Amino acid sequence: MANDVSIPRPPDVVTILWERNPLDRQAPRTIVEASVIGSADGCSRFLRTGRRYTSARNCLLDNGFEQILSESFGVFGVSVFVRFS
């Protein structure tokens, strides 16, 4: 008897801490730090310190991630993205 039951793969999770220049409300949000649990294939180059947050967010959304959290704390913020296989 074959056992076709397998444990599902855990989701990929990306957390981004971003900042905005407090002296310029038009300044883009930039990444302070990003962490990846699992894989962020296709988007790793956008998840580097100093890169634009919106470029990273758009890449993640285009690659199957869902944004499950976005909180702003003045000039800082945090966003969490999850991708289920």
N, C-alpha and C. Protein backbone atom coordinates (compact mmCIF):
# COMPACT_ATOMS: atom_id res chain seq x y z
N MET A 1 0.84 -1.18 0.00
CA MET A 1 0.00 0.00 0.00
C MET A 1 0.89 1.24 0.00
N ALA A 2 0.72 2.11 -0.97
CA ALA A 2 1.53 3.32 -1.09
C ALA A 2 0.96 4.41 -0.19
N ASN A 3 1.88 5.17 0.36
CA ASN A 3 1.49 6.29 1.22
C ASN A 3 1.67 7.58 0.43
N ASP A 4 0.56 8.16 -0.05
CA ASP A 4 0.62 9.37 -0.86
C ASP A 4 0.45 10.64 -0.04
N VAL A 5 0.52 10.54 1.27
CA VAL A 5 0.35 11.70 2.14
C VAL A 5 1.72 12.35 2.33
N SER A 6 1.77 13.66 2.16
CA SER A 6 3.02 14.37 2.40
C SER A 6 2.74 15.61 3.24
N ILE A 7 3.75 16.04 3.93
CA ILE A 7 3.65 17.25 4.74
C ILE A 7 3.75 18.45 3.81
N PRO A 8 2.81 19.38 3.89
CA PRO A 8 2.88 20.54 3.01
C PRO A 8 4.13 21.39 3.32
N ARG A 9 4.61 22.04 2.29
CA ARG A 9 5.76 22.92 2.43
C ARG A 9 5.33 24.18 3.18
N PRO A 10 6.14 24.66 4.13
CA PRO A 10 5.75 25.88 4.85
C PRO A 10 5.77 27.09 3.91
N PRO A 11 5.03 28.13 4.25
CA PRO A 11 4.98 29.31 3.38
C PRO A 11 6.31 30.07 3.39
N ASP A 12 6.53 30.83 2.32
CA ASP A 12 7.64 31.78 2.27
C ASP A 12 7.15 33.06 2.94
N VAL A 13 8.01 33.68 3.75
CA VAL A 13 7.64 34.89 4.48
C VAL A 13 8.74 35.94 4.29
N VAL A 14 8.34 37.16 3.95
CA VAL A 14 9.28 38.27 3.81
C VAL A 14 8.79 39.40 4.71
N THR A 15 9.70 39.91 5.53
CA THR A 15 9.42 41.05 6.40
C THR A 15 10.33 42.20 5.98
N ILE A 16 9.75 43.37 5.79
CA ILE A 16 10.51 44.55 5.39
C ILE A 16 10.30 45.67 6.40
N LEU A 17 11.40 46.19 6.92
CA LEU A 17 11.38 47.40 7.74
C LEU A 17 11.81 48.54 6.82
N TRP A 18 10.98 49.57 6.71
CA TRP A 18 11.29 50.69 5.81
C TRP A 18 11.29 52.00 6.57
N GLU A 19 11.88 53.02 5.93
CA GLU A 19 11.90 54.36 6.50
C GLU A 19 11.63 55.38 5.41
N ARG A 20 11.22 56.55 5.85
CA ARG A 20 10.99 57.68 4.93
C ARG A 20 11.70 58.89 5.52
N ASN A 21 12.27 59.71 4.67
CA ASN A 21 12.93 60.93 5.11
C ASN A 21 11.90 61.84 5.78
N PRO A 22 12.07 62.15 7.08
CA PRO A 22 11.06 62.95 7.78
C PRO A 22 11.01 64.40 7.31
N LEU A 23 12.03 64.85 6.61
CA LEU A 23 12.06 66.24 6.15
C LEU A 23 11.44 66.41 4.77
N ASP A 24 11.14 65.30 4.10
CA ASP A 24 10.59 65.35 2.76
C ASP A 24 9.47 64.32 2.63
N ARG A 25 8.22 64.79 2.75
CA ARG A 25 7.07 63.88 2.70
C ARG A 25 6.92 63.21 1.33
N GLN A 26 7.56 63.77 0.30
CA GLN A 26 7.49 63.20 -1.04
C GLN A 26 8.59 62.15 -1.27
N ALA A 27 9.51 62.03 -0.33
CA ALA A 27 10.62 61.09 -0.49
C ALA A 27 10.08 59.65 -0.50
N PRO A 28 10.68 58.80 -1.32
CA PRO A 28 10.22 57.41 -1.36
C PRO A 28 10.61 56.66 -0.09
N ARG A 29 9.85 55.64 0.22
CA ARG A 29 10.22 54.76 1.34
C ARG A 29 11.39 53.90 0.90
N THR A 30 12.37 53.75 1.76
CA THR A 30 13.52 52.91 1.45
C THR A 30 13.65 51.80 2.49
N ILE A 31 14.24 50.70 2.07
CA ILE A 31 14.38 49.53 2.94
C ILE A 31 15.52 49.74 3.93
N VAL A 32 15.22 49.54 5.20
CA VAL A 32 16.22 49.56 6.27
C VAL A 32 16.78 48.15 6.43
N GLU A 33 15.87 47.18 6.46
CA GLU A 33 16.26 45.78 6.59
C GLU A 33 15.13 44.90 6.07
N ALA A 34 15.51 43.78 5.49
CA ALA A 34 14.53 42.81 5.02
C ALA A 34 14.99 41.42 5.46
N SER A 35 14.03 40.60 5.87
CA SER A 35 14.36 39.22 6.23
C SER A 35 13.45 38.28 5.44
N VAL A 36 14.03 37.14 5.08
CA VAL A 36 13.31 36.16 4.28
C VAL A 36 13.35 34.82 5.00
N ILE A 37 12.18 34.23 5.20
CA ILE A 37 12.08 32.86 5.70
C ILE A 37 11.56 32.04 4.53
N GLY A 38 12.36 31.09 4.10
CA GLY A 38 12.00 30.32 2.91
C GLY A 38 12.71 30.90 1.72
N SER A 39 11.94 31.37 0.74
CA SER A 39 12.52 31.87 -0.50
C SER A 39 11.79 33.13 -0.96
N ALA A 40 12.56 34.01 -1.58
CA ALA A 40 11.99 35.18 -2.25
C ALA A 40 12.50 35.20 -3.68
N ASP A 41 12.58 34.02 -4.29
CA ASP A 41 13.09 33.89 -5.66
C ASP A 41 12.48 34.93 -6.58
N GLY A 42 13.33 35.56 -7.36
CA GLY A 42 12.89 36.57 -8.30
C GLY A 42 12.88 37.98 -7.74
N CYS A 43 12.93 38.10 -6.41
CA CYS A 43 12.84 39.43 -5.80
C CYS A 43 14.02 39.77 -4.89
N SER A 44 14.94 38.86 -4.71
CA SER A 44 16.04 39.08 -3.76
C SER A 44 16.81 40.37 -4.03
N ARG A 45 16.99 40.71 -5.30
CA ARG A 45 17.77 41.92 -5.61
C ARG A 45 17.07 43.20 -5.16
N PHE A 46 15.76 43.14 -4.98
CA PHE A 46 15.01 44.31 -4.53
C PHE A 46 14.96 44.44 -3.00
N LEU A 47 15.39 43.40 -2.28
CA LEU A 47 15.25 43.37 -0.83
C LEU A 47 16.53 43.78 -0.11
N ARG A 48 17.25 44.71 -0.68
CA ARG A 48 18.52 45.16 -0.11
C ARG A 48 18.35 46.52 0.56
N THR A 49 19.14 46.74 1.60
CA THR A 49 19.13 48.02 2.31
C THR A 49 19.37 49.16 1.33
N GLY A 50 18.54 50.20 1.46
CA GLY A 50 18.66 51.38 0.63
C GLY A 50 17.84 51.34 -0.65
N ARG A 51 17.31 50.18 -1.03
CA ARG A 51 16.49 50.07 -2.23
C ARG A 51 15.08 50.58 -1.93
N ARG A 52 14.34 50.94 -2.96
CA ARG A 52 12.98 51.46 -2.79
C ARG A 52 12.03 50.35 -2.35
N TYR A 53 11.25 50.68 -1.35
CA TYR A 53 10.26 49.74 -0.82
C TYR A 53 9.24 49.35 -1.89
N THR A 54 8.75 50.33 -2.66
CA THR A 54 7.70 50.03 -3.63
C THR A 54 8.17 49.05 -4.70
N SER A 55 9.43 49.10 -5.09
CA SER A 55 9.95 48.14 -6.07
C SER A 55 9.92 46.72 -5.49
N ALA A 56 10.31 46.59 -4.23
CA ALA A 56 10.29 45.28 -3.57
C ALA A 56 8.85 44.78 -3.41
N ARG A 57 7.97 45.66 -2.96
CA ARG A 57 6.56 45.28 -2.78
C ARG A 57 5.95 44.81 -4.10
N ASN A 58 6.15 45.57 -5.16
CA ASN A 58 5.57 45.21 -6.46
C ASN A 58 6.11 43.88 -6.95
N CYS A 59 7.41 43.64 -6.77
CA CYS A 59 7.99 42.37 -7.19
C CYS A 59 7.39 41.20 -6.40
N LEU A 60 7.28 41.37 -5.10
CA LEU A 60 6.71 40.30 -4.27
C LEU A 60 5.27 40.00 -4.68
N LEU A 61 4.47 41.03 -4.87
CA LEU A 61 3.07 40.82 -5.27
C LEU A 61 2.98 40.16 -6.64
N ASP A 62 3.87 40.53 -7.55
CA ASP A 62 3.89 39.93 -8.89
C ASP A 62 4.35 38.47 -8.87
N ASN A 63 5.01 38.06 -7.78
CA ASN A 63 5.54 36.70 -7.69
C ASN A 63 4.79 35.83 -6.69
N GLY A 64 3.51 36.13 -6.49
CA GLY A 64 2.64 35.25 -5.72
C GLY A 64 2.55 35.51 -4.23
N PHE A 65 3.21 36.56 -3.73
CA PHE A 65 3.10 36.89 -2.31
C PHE A 65 1.83 37.71 -2.06
N GLU A 66 1.31 37.58 -0.87
CA GLU A 66 0.20 38.41 -0.40
C GLU A 66 0.73 39.29 0.72
N GLN A 67 0.35 40.55 0.74
CA GLN A 67 0.74 41.44 1.82
C GLN A 67 -0.28 41.25 2.94
N ILE A 68 0.20 40.75 4.09
CA ILE A 68 -0.73 40.47 5.19
C ILE A 68 -0.66 41.51 6.30
N LEU A 69 0.38 42.37 6.26
CA LEU A 69 0.51 43.40 7.28
C LEU A 69 1.24 44.59 6.70
N SER A 70 0.78 45.78 7.03
CA SER A 70 1.49 47.01 6.69
C SER A 70 1.17 48.02 7.78
N GLU A 71 2.17 48.33 8.58
CA GLU A 71 2.00 49.27 9.69
C GLU A 71 3.01 50.39 9.56
N SER A 72 2.58 51.60 9.85
CA SER A 72 3.45 52.77 9.80
C SER A 72 3.59 53.34 11.21
N PHE A 73 4.83 53.69 11.54
CA PHE A 73 5.14 54.26 12.86
C PHE A 73 5.90 55.56 12.64
N GLY A 74 5.21 56.57 12.15
CA GLY A 74 5.88 57.83 11.84
C GLY A 74 6.72 57.68 10.58
N VAL A 75 8.02 57.84 10.71
CA VAL A 75 8.90 57.74 9.54
C VAL A 75 9.32 56.31 9.25
N PHE A 76 8.95 55.37 10.11
CA PHE A 76 9.28 53.95 9.92
C PHE A 76 8.02 53.15 9.70
N GLY A 77 8.18 51.99 9.11
CA GLY A 77 7.05 51.09 8.92
C GLY A 77 7.55 49.67 8.74
N VAL A 78 6.63 48.74 8.84
CA VAL A 78 6.95 47.33 8.63
C VAL A 78 5.85 46.70 7.78
N SER A 79 6.27 45.84 6.88
CA SER A 79 5.32 45.12 6.03
C SER A 79 5.71 43.64 6.01
N VAL A 80 4.69 42.78 5.99
CA VAL A 80 4.92 41.34 5.97
C VAL A 80 4.18 40.77 4.77
N PHE A 81 4.87 39.90 4.04
CA PHE A 81 4.34 39.25 2.85
C PHE A 81 4.46 37.74 3.02
N VAL A 82 3.45 36.99 2.54
CA VAL A 82 3.45 35.53 2.66
C VAL A 82 3.08 34.93 1.30
N ARG A 83 3.78 33.83 0.96
CA ARG A 83 3.46 33.10 -0.27
C ARG A 83 3.31 31.62 0.10
N PHE A 84 2.13 31.08 -0.21
CA PHE A 84 1.87 29.67 0.03
C PHE A 84 2.13 28.91 -1.26
N SER A 85 2.78 27.77 -1.14
CA SER A 85 3.09 26.97 -2.34
C SER A 85 1.91 26.16 -2.79
